[in-house]
Structures are given as C-alpha cells and as structure tokens.
Amino acid sequence: MGITEITVEIAHPQDRAKWHKVRVIADTGAIFSLLPRSTLEGLGINPYREETFRLADGREIRRRLGDIFLKIDGKVGTVPAIFGEPEDAPLLGVTALEILGFTVDPCTQKLTPTKMLLL
C-alpha cells in the first residue's frame, strides 16, 4: 500500500479552451479536491464561498471553494475544489472520484472505473 498519485487536467467550467495539468494525490479520506489557488485563478475560476476545514493535527484553516471542470482518463465533469495555498498538497478528493466514476485501488496504486449506481 502507498500513495496514489495521478495527473489530472482542469479547466474553467464555462471556458474549456485552456486546460492545465496538475499532479495530485488521490485521497479517499478527503471530501473535496484541493488545487493550487494560483492555478485556479490563472484559469479565471472564482470562489463562491469560504469554509473552515479541520486538519489531521486538529488545527482549523479557512479556504475558499469554487467549481472546476475536471478530466481524468477521458472522463469529464464539474466538481467542487478548494483553493489551496502554497503549503497545501494538491489532492483529488472522494467527491470528484465519485462524480467521475473512479475508485482507488490501494494494491496497484491506480484509479479504476467503478459502476455508477442509481438507487
């Protein structure tokens, strides 16, 4: 077992002419994805709210959220993302994984497609 790192592509939800590649850690313990604020702002993505997040060490931090257009292995969708600061590691959270239909295989350290359920 180890860390699953992948490269994703992101774009502005209303302007998909310009894509940016970002190396992220697939983190099934994180609800939201976290991407560098400078990258999101460079794509013209604006935050729509601010939230408080608790870190593993118990500290709380404030970060802004916005929507991005995300592409992984040809699958695309709009997902929420945290505007990360330079000290924050880029993450792919479980919300994005579920929206695009992926799961993390801890043995191979790769993303695998999952069946989309309609219950």
Protein backbone atom coordinates (compact mmCIF):
# COMPACT_ATOMS: atom_id res chain seq x y z
CA MET A 1 0.00 0.00 0.00
CA GLY A 2 1.10 3.52 -0.65
CA ILE A 3 0.16 6.87 -2.07
CA THR A 4 -1.76 7.04 -5.34
CA GLU A 5 -0.56 9.97 -7.43
CA ILE A 6 -2.06 10.84 -10.80
CA THR A 7 -2.11 13.71 -13.26
CA VAL A 8 -5.48 15.36 -13.86
CA GLU A 9 -6.50 18.12 -16.23
CA ILE A 10 -8.59 21.07 -15.13
CA ALA A 11 -10.37 23.90 -16.93
CA HIS A 12 -12.85 26.68 -16.24
CA PRO A 13 -16.39 25.18 -16.25
CA GLN A 14 -17.61 27.76 -18.81
CA ASP A 15 -14.40 28.00 -20.88
CA ARG A 16 -12.80 24.68 -21.71
CA ALA A 17 -10.44 26.08 -24.35
CA LYS A 18 -7.49 26.16 -21.92
CA TRP A 19 -6.57 23.09 -19.83
CA HIS A 20 -3.96 22.82 -17.09
CA LYS A 21 -2.33 19.58 -15.91
CA VAL A 22 -1.86 19.09 -12.16
CA ARG A 23 -0.21 16.21 -10.30
CA VAL A 24 -2.43 15.24 -7.33
CA ILE A 25 -2.67 12.64 -4.58
CA ALA A 26 -5.91 10.62 -4.76
CA ASP A 27 -7.15 10.87 -1.17
CA THR A 28 -10.30 8.89 -0.34
CA GLY A 29 -10.26 10.45 3.14
CA ALA A 30 -10.69 13.95 1.70
CA ILE A 31 -14.19 15.09 0.73
CA PHE A 32 -13.08 17.87 -1.61
CA SER A 33 -10.26 18.15 -4.11
CA LEU A 34 -7.63 20.79 -3.37
CA LEU A 35 -5.73 22.56 -6.14
CA PRO A 36 -3.25 25.45 -6.15
CA ARG A 37 -5.02 28.79 -5.85
CA SER A 38 -2.63 30.30 -8.40
CA THR A 39 -3.61 27.67 -10.98
CA LEU A 40 -7.34 28.13 -10.39
CA GLU A 41 -7.08 31.91 -10.54
CA GLY A 42 -4.93 31.62 -13.69
CA LEU A 43 -7.80 29.77 -15.35
CA GLY A 44 -10.23 32.51 -14.27
CA ILE A 45 -12.03 30.30 -11.74
CA ASN A 46 -13.69 32.30 -8.98
CA PRO A 47 -14.57 31.04 -5.50
CA TYR A 48 -18.19 31.12 -4.39
CA ARG A 49 -17.79 30.52 -0.66
CA GLU A 50 -15.32 30.08 2.18
CA GLU A 51 -15.27 27.19 4.66
CA THR A 52 -13.37 26.12 7.75
CA PHE A 53 -11.52 22.80 7.42
CA ARG A 54 -10.01 20.72 10.23
CA LEU A 55 -6.55 19.27 9.58
CA ALA A 56 -5.30 15.88 10.77
CA ASP A 57 -3.36 17.57 13.59
CA GLY A 58 -6.54 19.26 14.88
CA ARG A 59 -5.82 22.77 13.55
CA GLU A 60 -8.52 24.60 11.62
CA ILE A 61 -7.90 26.61 8.46
CA ARG A 62 -10.12 28.73 6.19
CA ARG A 63 -10.09 28.08 2.45
CA ARG A 64 -12.23 29.19 -0.49
CA LEU A 65 -14.22 26.82 -2.73
CA GLY A 66 -15.08 27.03 -6.42
CA ASP A 67 -16.13 24.75 -9.26
CA ILE A 68 -13.73 23.31 -11.82
CA PHE A 69 -14.11 21.19 -14.93
CA LEU A 70 -12.04 18.05 -14.31
CA LYS A 71 -10.76 15.43 -16.78
CA ILE A 72 -9.36 12.01 -15.81
CA ASP A 73 -8.71 9.34 -18.44
CA GLY A 74 -11.20 10.91 -20.84
CA LYS A 75 -14.00 11.23 -18.26
CA VAL A 76 -15.06 14.80 -17.53
CA GLY A 77 -17.30 16.61 -15.07
CA THR A 78 -17.78 19.69 -12.94
CA VAL A 79 -16.61 19.24 -9.35
CA PRO A 80 -16.04 21.48 -6.31
CA ALA A 81 -12.45 22.31 -5.42
CA ILE A 82 -10.64 24.05 -2.58
CA PHE A 83 -8.36 26.95 -3.48
CA GLY A 84 -5.10 25.66 -1.96
CA GLU A 85 -2.27 27.76 -0.60
CA PRO A 86 1.43 27.07 -1.37
CA GLU A 87 1.78 24.93 1.77
CA ASP A 88 -1.20 22.70 0.81
CA ALA A 89 -0.64 19.44 -1.10
CA PRO A 90 -2.80 19.08 -4.23
CA LEU A 91 -5.45 16.42 -3.61
CA LEU A 92 -8.13 14.58 -5.55
CA GLY A 93 -10.99 14.06 -3.09
CA VAL A 94 -13.69 11.42 -2.94
CA THR A 95 -16.39 13.76 -4.28
CA ALA A 96 -14.53 14.14 -7.59
CA LEU A 97 -13.75 10.42 -7.70
CA GLU A 98 -17.42 9.52 -7.24
CA ILE A 99 -18.70 12.12 -9.71
CA LEU A 100 -16.38 10.84 -12.44
CA GLY A 101 -16.87 7.17 -11.52
CA PHE A 102 -13.48 6.12 -10.17
CA THR A 103 -12.22 4.31 -7.12
CA VAL A 104 -8.66 3.96 -5.81
CA ASP A 105 -7.10 0.50 -5.93
CA PRO A 106 -4.66 0.54 -2.98
CA CYS A 107 -2.79 -2.54 -4.26
CA THR A 108 -1.97 -1.18 -7.72
CA GLN A 109 -2.00 2.49 -6.62
CA LYS A 110 -4.13 3.35 -9.66
CA LEU A 111 -7.63 4.63 -10.30
CA THR A 112 -10.09 2.07 -11.59
CA PRO A 113 -13.52 2.71 -13.12
CA THR A 114 -16.43 1.90 -10.87
CA LYS A 115 -20.03 1.12 -11.72
CA MET A 116 -22.29 4.11 -11.41
CA LEU A 117 -25.24 3.19 -9.22
CA LEU A 118 -28.70 4.66 -9.46
CA LEU A 119 -30.58 3.64 -6.33
